[in-house]
Protein backbone atom coordinates (compact mmCIF):
# COMPACT_ATOMS: atom_id res chain seq x y z
CA MET A 1 -76.31 -96.15 -83.50
CA VAL A 2 -77.91 -98.46 -80.96
CA PHE A 3 -75.06 -97.78 -78.52
CA PHE A 4 -75.54 -94.04 -78.98
CA GLY A 5 -79.33 -94.26 -78.72
CA LEU A 6 -79.26 -96.33 -75.55
CA GLY A 7 -76.74 -93.89 -74.09
CA LEU A 8 -79.18 -91.04 -74.67
CA ILE A 9 -82.05 -92.97 -73.08
CA PHE A 10 -80.06 -94.34 -70.11
CA PRO A 11 -77.33 -91.78 -69.34
CA ARG A 12 -76.43 -93.21 -65.92
CA VAL A 13 -75.75 -96.77 -67.12
CA SER A 14 -72.10 -97.79 -67.42
CA SER A 15 -70.50 -97.96 -70.84
CA LEU A 16 -69.90 -101.69 -70.52
CA ARG A 17 -73.57 -102.35 -69.80
CA MET A 18 -74.54 -100.01 -72.61
CA GLY A 19 -72.32 -101.93 -75.02
CA SER A 20 -73.78 -105.23 -73.87
CA GLY A 21 -77.29 -103.91 -74.34
CA ALA A 22 -76.48 -102.56 -77.79
CA LEU A 23 -75.06 -105.93 -78.84
CA ALA A 24 -78.11 -107.73 -77.47
CA VAL A 25 -80.44 -105.48 -79.47
CA ALA A 26 -78.36 -105.77 -82.66
CA PHE A 27 -77.98 -109.55 -82.37
CA GLY A 28 -81.70 -109.90 -81.61
CA ILE A 29 -82.70 -107.94 -84.69
CA GLU A 30 -80.29 -109.99 -86.79
CA ALA A 31 -81.77 -113.21 -85.37
CA LEU A 32 -85.27 -112.00 -86.32
CA LYS A 33 -84.17 -112.26 -89.95
CA LEU A 34 -84.31 -116.03 -89.51
CA TYR A 35 -88.00 -115.88 -88.53
CA PRO A 36 -90.34 -115.97 -91.55
CA GLY A 37 -93.49 -114.82 -89.72
CA PRO A 38 -96.09 -113.11 -91.92
CA TRP A 39 -96.51 -110.16 -89.54
CA LEU A 40 -92.75 -109.51 -89.63
CA ALA A 41 -92.67 -109.91 -93.43
CA SER A 42 -95.34 -107.23 -93.75
CA ILE A 43 -93.28 -104.88 -91.56
CA ARG A 44 -90.18 -105.60 -93.67
CA HIS A 45 -92.02 -104.41 -96.79
CA THR A 46 -92.20 -100.87 -95.40
CA THR A 47 -89.25 -98.51 -95.78
CA LEU A 48 -88.63 -98.17 -92.04
CA GLY A 49 -89.16 -101.90 -91.45
CA HIS A 50 -86.64 -102.74 -94.16
CA LEU A 51 -84.09 -100.33 -92.69
CA VAL A 52 -84.52 -101.71 -89.16
CA PHE A 53 -85.06 -105.42 -89.79
CA GLY A 54 -83.54 -106.05 -93.22
CA HIS A 55 -84.25 -109.25 -95.12
CA THR A 56 -81.25 -111.60 -95.07
CA PHE A 57 -79.35 -113.02 -92.08
CA SER A 58 -75.59 -112.62 -92.29
CA TRP A 59 -73.10 -113.71 -89.65
CA GLN A 60 -70.74 -111.02 -90.99
CA ASN A 61 -73.21 -108.45 -89.66
CA LEU A 62 -72.70 -109.87 -86.16
CA VAL A 63 -68.96 -109.25 -86.52
CA ALA A 64 -69.61 -105.72 -87.81
CA TYR A 65 -71.97 -104.96 -84.89
CA THR A 66 -69.38 -106.19 -82.41
CA VAL A 67 -66.62 -104.08 -84.00
CA GLY A 68 -68.92 -101.04 -84.03
CA VAL A 69 -69.84 -101.38 -80.36
CA LEU A 70 -66.20 -101.89 -79.40
CA ALA A 71 -65.26 -98.77 -81.38
CA GLY A 72 -67.99 -96.83 -79.57
CA LEU A 73 -66.73 -98.06 -76.21
CA VAL A 74 -63.13 -97.16 -76.99
CA LEU A 75 -64.08 -93.69 -78.26
CA GLU A 76 -66.23 -93.03 -75.21
CA VAL A 77 -63.58 -94.18 -72.75
CA LEU A 78 -60.82 -92.21 -74.50
CA PHE A 79 -62.63 -88.99 -75.36
CA VAL A 80 -65.56 -88.69 -72.97
CA PRO A 81 -64.52 -90.33 -69.67
CA SER A 82 -66.54 -87.92 -67.55
CA LEU A 83 -69.75 -88.40 -69.59
CA ARG A 84 -71.05 -91.07 -67.26
CA GLY A 85 -69.78 -89.51 -64.07
CA GLY A 86 -66.35 -91.11 -64.25
CA ASN A 87 -67.96 -94.55 -64.48
CA ALA A 88 -66.75 -95.25 -68.01
CA VAL A 89 -66.53 -99.03 -67.73
């Protein structure tokens, strides 16, 4: 979803950069789960905050994010090569 969202916001950025940005955002949010700050805990207790930030760090999520971004890159390169003006990668 982050890959797709960034693609909508920055349509002229290459797919490779978009994938890197999506991974950076996903890994950053996952790393925030290790921070026990009270302001972040209060955000996590809201429905949207829980959906975005979650509660428990899991390295398996990092693998899942990487697989998801790679799948997005492959699908974009295979099925929508002209989406970014022929600059798919």
